[in-house]
């Protein structure tokens, strides 16, 4: 895959988490003992910094092979 496309995907993932929020706004099912909405919030807190770090690592100077 192209590096720019991967960066685009990593940038879109946090926005998708917000866009899908109305569809997970429910108590059932329970995941690891948490209601779905709480698990979704926890997952977004973990995934968003990972996406940010991934974009940073791909754009870091000196690592470009182009």
N, C-alpha and C. Protein backbone atom coordinates (compact mmCIF):
# COMPACT_ATOMS: atom_id res chain seq x y z
N UNK A 1 0.83 -1.19 0.00
CA UNK A 1 0.00 0.00 0.00
C UNK A 1 0.88 1.25 0.00
N UNK A 2 0.32 2.29 -0.53
CA UNK A 2 1.02 3.57 -0.55
C UNK A 2 1.05 4.16 0.86
N UNK A 3 2.15 4.82 1.20
CA UNK A 3 2.30 5.40 2.53
C UNK A 3 1.24 6.47 2.80
N UNK A 4 0.90 7.26 1.80
CA UNK A 4 -0.12 8.30 1.98
C UNK A 4 -1.49 7.70 2.25
N UNK A 5 -1.79 6.56 1.64
CA UNK A 5 -3.07 5.90 1.88
C UNK A 5 -3.14 5.36 3.31
N UNK A 6 -2.04 4.81 3.81
CA UNK A 6 -2.02 4.31 5.18
C UNK A 6 -2.19 5.47 6.17
N UNK A 7 -1.54 6.60 5.89
CA UNK A 7 -1.71 7.77 6.75
C UNK A 7 -3.16 8.25 6.72
N UNK A 8 -3.77 8.23 5.56
CA UNK A 8 -5.18 8.61 5.44
C UNK A 8 -6.07 7.69 6.28
N UNK A 9 -5.83 6.38 6.20
CA UNK A 9 -6.63 5.45 6.99
C UNK A 9 -6.45 5.67 8.49
N UNK A 10 -5.22 5.91 8.90
CA UNK A 10 -4.97 6.16 10.33
C UNK A 10 -5.61 7.46 10.80
N UNK A 11 -5.75 8.43 9.91
CA UNK A 11 -6.40 9.69 10.28
C UNK A 11 -7.92 9.56 10.31
N UNK A 12 -8.47 8.65 9.53
CA UNK A 12 -9.92 8.51 9.44
C UNK A 12 -10.49 7.66 10.59
N UNK A 13 -9.71 6.75 11.13
CA UNK A 13 -10.20 5.84 12.17
C UNK A 13 -10.80 6.58 13.37
N UNK A 14 -10.13 7.60 13.95
CA UNK A 14 -10.76 8.30 15.08
C UNK A 14 -12.08 8.99 14.71
N UNK A 15 -12.18 9.50 13.49
CA UNK A 15 -13.44 10.12 13.07
C UNK A 15 -14.54 9.09 12.90
N UNK A 16 -14.19 7.91 12.44
CA UNK A 16 -15.18 6.83 12.33
C UNK A 16 -15.68 6.41 13.70
N UNK A 17 -14.80 6.43 14.69
CA UNK A 17 -15.24 6.09 16.05
C UNK A 17 -16.30 7.07 16.52
N UNK A 18 -16.13 8.35 16.20
CA UNK A 18 -17.15 9.34 16.58
C UNK A 18 -18.41 9.21 15.74
N UNK A 19 -18.25 8.93 14.46
CA UNK A 19 -19.41 8.83 13.58
C UNK A 19 -20.28 7.62 13.94
N UNK A 20 -19.67 6.55 14.43
CA UNK A 20 -20.42 5.35 14.78
C UNK A 20 -20.96 5.38 16.20
N UNK A 21 -20.67 6.43 16.94
CA UNK A 21 -21.09 6.52 18.34
C UNK A 21 -22.60 6.37 18.53
N UNK A 22 -23.48 6.97 17.73
CA UNK A 22 -24.91 6.77 17.96
C UNK A 22 -25.36 5.31 17.83
N UNK A 23 -24.62 4.51 17.09
CA UNK A 23 -25.01 3.12 16.89
C UNK A 23 -24.57 2.21 18.04
N UNK A 24 -23.66 2.69 18.87
CA UNK A 24 -23.22 1.88 20.01
C UNK A 24 -23.75 2.44 21.33
N UNK A 25 -24.64 3.40 21.26
CA UNK A 25 -25.18 4.02 22.46
C UNK A 25 -26.27 3.13 23.07
N UNK A 26 -25.82 2.07 23.70
CA UNK A 26 -26.73 1.14 24.37
C UNK A 26 -26.01 0.45 25.51
N UNK A 27 -26.76 -0.16 26.38
CA UNK A 27 -26.17 -0.83 27.53
C UNK A 27 -25.78 -2.27 27.18
N UNK A 28 -26.63 -2.95 26.48
CA UNK A 28 -26.34 -4.33 26.08
C UNK A 28 -25.68 -4.34 24.72
N UNK A 29 -24.78 -5.15 24.41
CA UNK A 29 -24.19 -6.26 25.17
C UNK A 29 -23.10 -5.76 26.12
N UNK A 30 -22.77 -6.59 27.08
CA UNK A 30 -21.68 -6.29 27.99
C UNK A 30 -20.40 -6.88 27.41
N UNK A 31 -19.33 -6.10 27.38
CA UNK A 31 -18.04 -6.57 26.90
C UNK A 31 -17.04 -6.37 28.04
N UNK A 32 -16.47 -7.45 28.51
CA UNK A 32 -15.56 -7.43 29.66
C UNK A 32 -16.22 -6.77 30.86
N UNK A 33 -17.52 -6.97 31.02
CA UNK A 33 -18.26 -6.42 32.14
C UNK A 33 -18.65 -4.96 31.99
N UNK A 34 -18.32 -4.36 30.87
CA UNK A 34 -18.66 -2.95 30.62
C UNK A 34 -19.80 -2.86 29.62
N UNK A 35 -20.69 -1.90 29.81
CA UNK A 35 -21.69 -1.65 28.76
C UNK A 35 -20.98 -1.28 27.46
N UNK A 36 -21.65 -1.52 26.35
CA UNK A 36 -21.04 -1.30 25.04
C UNK A 36 -20.51 0.12 24.88
N UNK A 37 -21.25 1.12 25.33
CA UNK A 37 -20.83 2.51 25.15
C UNK A 37 -19.56 2.81 25.95
N UNK A 38 -19.44 2.25 27.15
CA UNK A 38 -18.23 2.47 27.95
C UNK A 38 -17.03 1.77 27.33
N UNK A 39 -17.25 0.56 26.83
CA UNK A 39 -16.17 -0.15 26.15
C UNK A 39 -15.74 0.62 24.90
N UNK A 40 -16.68 1.21 24.18
CA UNK A 40 -16.38 1.99 22.98
C UNK A 40 -15.52 3.21 23.34
N UNK A 41 -15.87 3.89 24.44
CA UNK A 41 -15.07 5.04 24.88
C UNK A 41 -13.66 4.60 25.25
N UNK A 42 -13.56 3.49 26.00
CA UNK A 42 -12.24 2.98 26.38
C UNK A 42 -11.43 2.63 25.14
N UNK A 43 -12.06 1.98 24.18
CA UNK A 43 -11.38 1.60 22.95
C UNK A 43 -10.90 2.83 22.18
N UNK A 44 -11.70 3.88 22.15
CA UNK A 44 -11.28 5.09 21.42
C UNK A 44 -10.13 5.78 22.13
N UNK A 45 -10.09 5.71 23.46
CA UNK A 45 -8.97 6.30 24.21
C UNK A 45 -7.68 5.55 23.91
N UNK A 46 -7.76 4.27 23.64
CA UNK A 46 -6.57 3.47 23.32
C UNK A 46 -6.19 3.61 21.85
N UNK A 47 -7.16 3.57 20.95
CA UNK A 47 -6.88 3.53 19.51
C UNK A 47 -6.43 4.89 18.97
N UNK A 48 -7.01 5.99 19.45
CA UNK A 48 -6.68 7.31 18.91
C UNK A 48 -5.20 7.67 19.08
N UNK A 49 -4.60 7.49 20.25
CA UNK A 49 -3.16 7.77 20.35
C UNK A 49 -2.30 6.82 19.50
N UNK A 50 -2.74 5.58 19.34
CA UNK A 50 -1.99 4.65 18.49
C UNK A 50 -2.02 5.10 17.03
N UNK A 51 -3.16 5.59 16.58
CA UNK A 51 -3.25 6.12 15.22
C UNK A 51 -2.38 7.36 15.07
N UNK A 52 -2.39 8.24 16.07
CA UNK A 52 -1.55 9.43 16.03
C UNK A 52 -0.08 9.06 15.99
N UNK A 53 0.32 8.11 16.81
CA UNK A 53 1.72 7.66 16.81
C UNK A 53 2.09 7.04 15.47
N UNK A 54 1.17 6.27 14.88
CA UNK A 54 1.44 5.66 13.58
C UNK A 54 1.66 6.70 12.50
N UNK A 55 0.85 7.75 12.50
CA UNK A 55 1.02 8.83 11.53
C UNK A 55 2.35 9.53 11.76
N UNK A 56 2.69 9.78 13.01
CA UNK A 56 3.97 10.41 13.33
C UNK A 56 5.13 9.54 12.85
N UNK A 57 5.06 8.25 13.12
CA UNK A 57 6.15 7.36 12.73
C UNK A 57 6.31 7.29 11.22
N UNK A 58 5.21 7.35 10.49
CA UNK A 58 5.30 7.31 9.04
C UNK A 58 5.81 8.62 8.44
N UNK A 59 5.58 9.73 9.13
CA UNK A 59 6.01 11.03 8.61
C UNK A 59 7.33 11.50 9.19
N UNK A 60 7.91 10.73 10.09
CA UNK A 60 9.14 11.15 10.75
C UNK A 60 10.25 11.38 9.71
N UNK A 61 10.95 12.51 9.81
CA UNK A 61 12.03 12.77 8.85
C UNK A 61 13.14 11.73 8.98
N UNK A 62 13.74 11.41 7.86
CA UNK A 62 14.83 10.45 7.87
C UNK A 62 14.39 9.02 7.63
N UNK A 63 13.09 8.77 7.70
CA UNK A 63 12.61 7.40 7.49
C UNK A 63 11.97 7.24 6.12
N UNK A 64 11.98 8.30 5.34
CA UNK A 64 11.36 8.24 4.02
C UNK A 64 12.26 7.51 3.05
N UNK A 65 11.69 6.58 2.30
CA UNK A 65 12.44 5.81 1.31
C UNK A 65 12.16 6.30 -0.10
N UNK A 66 11.43 7.41 -0.20
CA UNK A 66 11.06 7.93 -1.52
C UNK A 66 12.16 8.77 -2.11
